[in-house]
C-alpha atoms as a PDB file:
ATOM      1  CA  MET A   1      55.742 -46.427 -95.587  1.00  0.00           C
ATOM      2  CA  ASP A   2      52.691 -47.977 -93.961  1.00  0.00           C
ATOM      3  CA  LEU A   3      52.485 -51.257 -91.907  1.00  0.00           C
ATOM      4  CA  GLN A   4      51.366 -53.177 -94.968  1.00  0.00           C
ATOM      5  CA  ASP A   5      54.534 -51.812 -96.729  1.00  0.00           C
ATOM      6  CA  LEU A   6      56.671 -53.107 -93.856  1.00  0.00           C
ATOM      7  CA  LYS A   7      54.945 -56.528 -93.625  1.00  0.00           C
ATOM      8  CA  SER A   8      55.811 -56.936 -97.402  1.00  0.00           C
ATOM      9  CA  GLU A   9      59.408 -56.027 -96.945  1.00  0.00           C
ATOM     10  CA  LEU A  10      59.622 -58.409 -93.901  1.00  0.00           C
ATOM     11  CA  ALA A  11      58.103 -61.261 -96.268  1.00  0.00           C
ATOM     12  CA  MET A  12      61.138 -60.747 -98.736  1.00  0.00           C
ATOM     13  CA  GLY A  13      63.599 -61.914 -95.953  1.00  0.00           C
ATOM     14  CA  ASP A  14      64.306 -65.545 -94.810  1.00  0.00           C
ATOM     15  CA  MET A  15      60.789 -66.223 -93.548  1.00  0.00           C
ATOM     16  CA  LYS A  16      60.873 -69.736 -94.964  1.00  0.00           C
ATOM     17  CA  HIS A  17      64.047 -71.013 -93.292  1.00  0.00           C
ATOM     18  CA  ASP A  18      64.377 -68.804 -90.486  1.00  0.00           C
ATOM     19  CA  PRO A  19      60.947 -66.936 -89.338  1.00  0.00           C
ATOM     20  CA  TYR A  20      62.195 -66.393 -85.829  1.00  0.00           C
ATOM     21  CA  GLY A  21      65.620 -65.082 -86.674  1.00  0.00           C
ATOM     22  CA  THR A  22      64.161 -62.748 -89.430  1.00  0.00           C
ATOM     23  CA  MET A  23      61.675 -61.231 -87.133  1.00  0.00           C
ATOM     24  CA  LEU A  24      63.689 -60.761 -84.117  1.00  0.00           C
ATOM     25  CA  SER A  25      66.175 -58.933 -86.229  1.00  0.00           C
ATOM     26  CA  TRP A  26      63.718 -56.586 -87.736  1.00  0.00           C
ATOM     27  CA  HIS A  27      62.481 -55.955 -84.114  1.00  0.00           C
ATOM     28  CA  PHE A  28      65.676 -54.777 -82.800  1.00  0.00           C
ATOM     29  CA  GLU A  29      66.296 -52.607 -85.878  1.00  0.00           C
ATOM     30  CA  VAL A  30      62.677 -51.170 -85.331  1.00  0.00           C
ATOM     31  CA  ALA A  31      63.466 -50.537 -81.528  1.00  0.00           C
ATOM     32  CA  ASP A  32      66.874 -48.997 -82.655  1.00  0.00           C
ATOM     33  CA  GLU A  33      65.309 -46.658 -85.181  1.00  0.00           C
ATOM     34  CA  LEU A  34      62.707 -45.386 -82.612  1.00  0.00           C
ATOM     35  CA  TYR A  35      65.582 -44.888 -79.842  1.00  0.00           C
ATOM     36  CA  ARG A  36      67.698 -43.019 -82.647  1.00  0.00           C
ATOM     37  CA  ARG A  37      64.615 -40.757 -83.212  1.00  0.00           C
ATOM     38  CA  GLU A  38      64.233 -40.293 -79.589  1.00  0.00           C
ATOM     39  CA  ALA A  39      60.508 -41.656 -79.784  1.00  0.00           C
ATOM     40  CA  TYR A  40      58.797 -43.877 -77.745  1.00  0.00           C
ATOM     41  CA  VAL A  41      59.834 -47.612 -77.398  1.00  0.00           C
ATOM     42  CA  PRO A  42      57.393 -49.637 -75.795  1.00  0.00           C
ATOM     43  CA  ASP A  43      58.666 -51.065 -72.471  1.00  0.00           C
ATOM     44  CA  ALA A  44      57.018 -54.414 -72.969  1.00  0.00           C
ATOM     45  CA  TRP A  45      59.548 -54.822 -75.746  1.00  0.00           C
ATOM     46  CA  GLY A  46      62.293 -55.025 -72.962  1.00  0.00           C
ATOM     47  CA  TYR A  47      64.597 -52.809 -75.391  1.00  0.00           C
ATOM     48  CA  SER A  48      67.863 -51.495 -73.978  1.00  0.00           C
ATOM     49  CA  PRO A  49      70.424 -49.968 -76.361  1.00  0.00           C
ATOM     50  CA  GLY A  50      73.406 -51.158 -74.622  1.00  0.00           C
ATOM     51  CA  LEU A  51      76.370 -48.963 -73.444  1.00  0.00           C
ATOM     52  CA  ALA A  52      77.353 -48.028 -76.900  1.00  0.00           C
ATOM     53  CA  GLY A  53      73.615 -47.380 -78.031  1.00  0.00           C
ATOM     54  CA  PRO A  54      72.192 -48.408 -81.431  1.00  0.00           C
ATOM     55  CA  ASP A  55      74.252 -48.629 -84.621  1.00  0.00           C
ATOM     56  CA  ASP A  56      74.468 -45.364 -86.301  1.00  0.00           C
ATOM     57  CA  PHE A  57      72.087 -44.715 -89.178  1.00  0.00           C
ATOM     58  CA  ASP A  58      73.597 -46.517 -92.332  1.00  0.00           C
ATOM     59  CA  PRO A  59      72.287 -45.194 -95.498  1.00  0.00           C
ATOM     60  CA  GLU A  60      73.485 -48.327 -97.424  1.00  0.00           C
ATOM     61  CA  ASN A  61      71.774 -50.606 -95.124  1.00  0.00           C
ATOM     62  CA  PHE A  62      68.391 -51.814 -96.458  1.00  0.00           C
ATOM     63  CA  THR A  63      66.656 -51.992 -93.240  1.00  0.00           C
ATOM     64  CA  HIS A  64      67.767 -48.682 -92.067  1.00  0.00           C
ATOM     65  CA  ASN A  65      66.460 -47.136 -94.944  1.00  0.00           C
ATOM     66  CA  THR A  66      63.199 -48.961 -95.071  1.00  0.00           C
ATOM     67  CA  LEU A  67      62.149 -48.085 -91.394  1.00  0.00           C
ATOM     68  CA  SER A  68      63.570 -44.456 -91.966  1.00  0.00           C
ATOM     69  CA  MET A  69      60.565 -43.936 -94.188  1.00  0.00           C
ATOM     70  CA  ALA A  70      57.843 -45.111 -91.796  1.00  0.00           C
ATOM     71  CA  ASP A  71      56.441 -42.899 -89.153  1.00  0.00           C
ATOM     72  CA  ASP A  72      56.694 -43.297 -85.277  1.00  0.00           C
ATOM     73  CA  GLU A  73      53.289 -44.880 -84.799  1.00  0.00           C
ATOM     74  CA  THR A  74      53.629 -47.278 -87.896  1.00  0.00           C
ATOM     75  CA  LEU A  75      56.829 -48.574 -86.249  1.00  0.00           C
ATOM     76  CA  VAL A  76      55.418 -49.075 -83.074  1.00  0.00           C
ATOM     77  CA  ASP A  77      52.712 -50.974 -84.889  1.00  0.00           C
ATOM     78  CA  PHE A  78      55.132 -53.099 -86.673  1.00  0.00           C
ATOM     79  CA  GLY A  79      57.190 -53.695 -83.557  1.00  0.00           C
ATOM     80  CA  ASP A  80      54.274 -54.797 -81.683  1.00  0.00           C
ATOM     81  CA  MET A  81      53.185 -57.336 -84.391  1.00  0.00           C
ATOM     82  CA  LEU A  82      56.810 -58.747 -84.527  1.00  0.00           C
ATOM     83  CA  LYS A  83      56.768 -59.244 -80.750  1.00  0.00           C
ATOM     84  CA  ARG A  84      53.391 -60.999 -80.987  1.00  0.00           C
ATOM     85  CA  ALA A  85      54.616 -63.294 -83.859  1.00  0.00           C
ATOM     86  CA  THR A  86      58.056 -63.976 -82.205  1.00  0.00           C
ATOM     87  CA  ALA A  87      56.172 -64.977 -78.821  1.00  0.00           C
ATOM     88  CA  ILE A  88      53.966 -67.547 -81.156  1.00  0.00           C
ATOM     89  CA  LEU A  89      57.214 -68.996 -82.561  1.00  0.00           C
ATOM     90  CA  VAL A  90      58.495 -69.522 -79.100  1.00  0.00           C
ATOM     91  CA  LYS A  91      55.272 -71.258 -77.955  1.00  0.00           C
ATOM     92  CA  GLN A  92      55.639 -73.522 -81.064  1.00  0.00           C
ATOM     93  CA  GLY A  93      59.023 -74.372 -80.281  1.00  0.00           C
ATOM     94  CA  ARG A  94      60.214 -72.592 -83.364  1.00  0.00           C
ATOM     95  CA  SER A  95      63.031 -70.556 -81.587  1.00  0.00           C
ATOM     96  CA  TYR A  96      66.557 -71.043 -80.573  1.00  0.00           C
END
């Protein structure tokens, strides 16, 4: 699964009605996936898994399955893109 594949999966979400929430949700899932793998999670993301840690991997969760097919570098690139996109939405007043 490459970056373009992940962008395609993101586009199938509720991007028309709730782009901010959709991208934010994916961004948290990307950070959780990297954390579960004990891989690098960029400090700029401000990620903290909380006391309980991320949710356990759920094989029936579409997002978990999709992200599990991407390598660490692709996930970081995707997460960086999501971070930039949500920042743009905030500046446009399209967040909540």
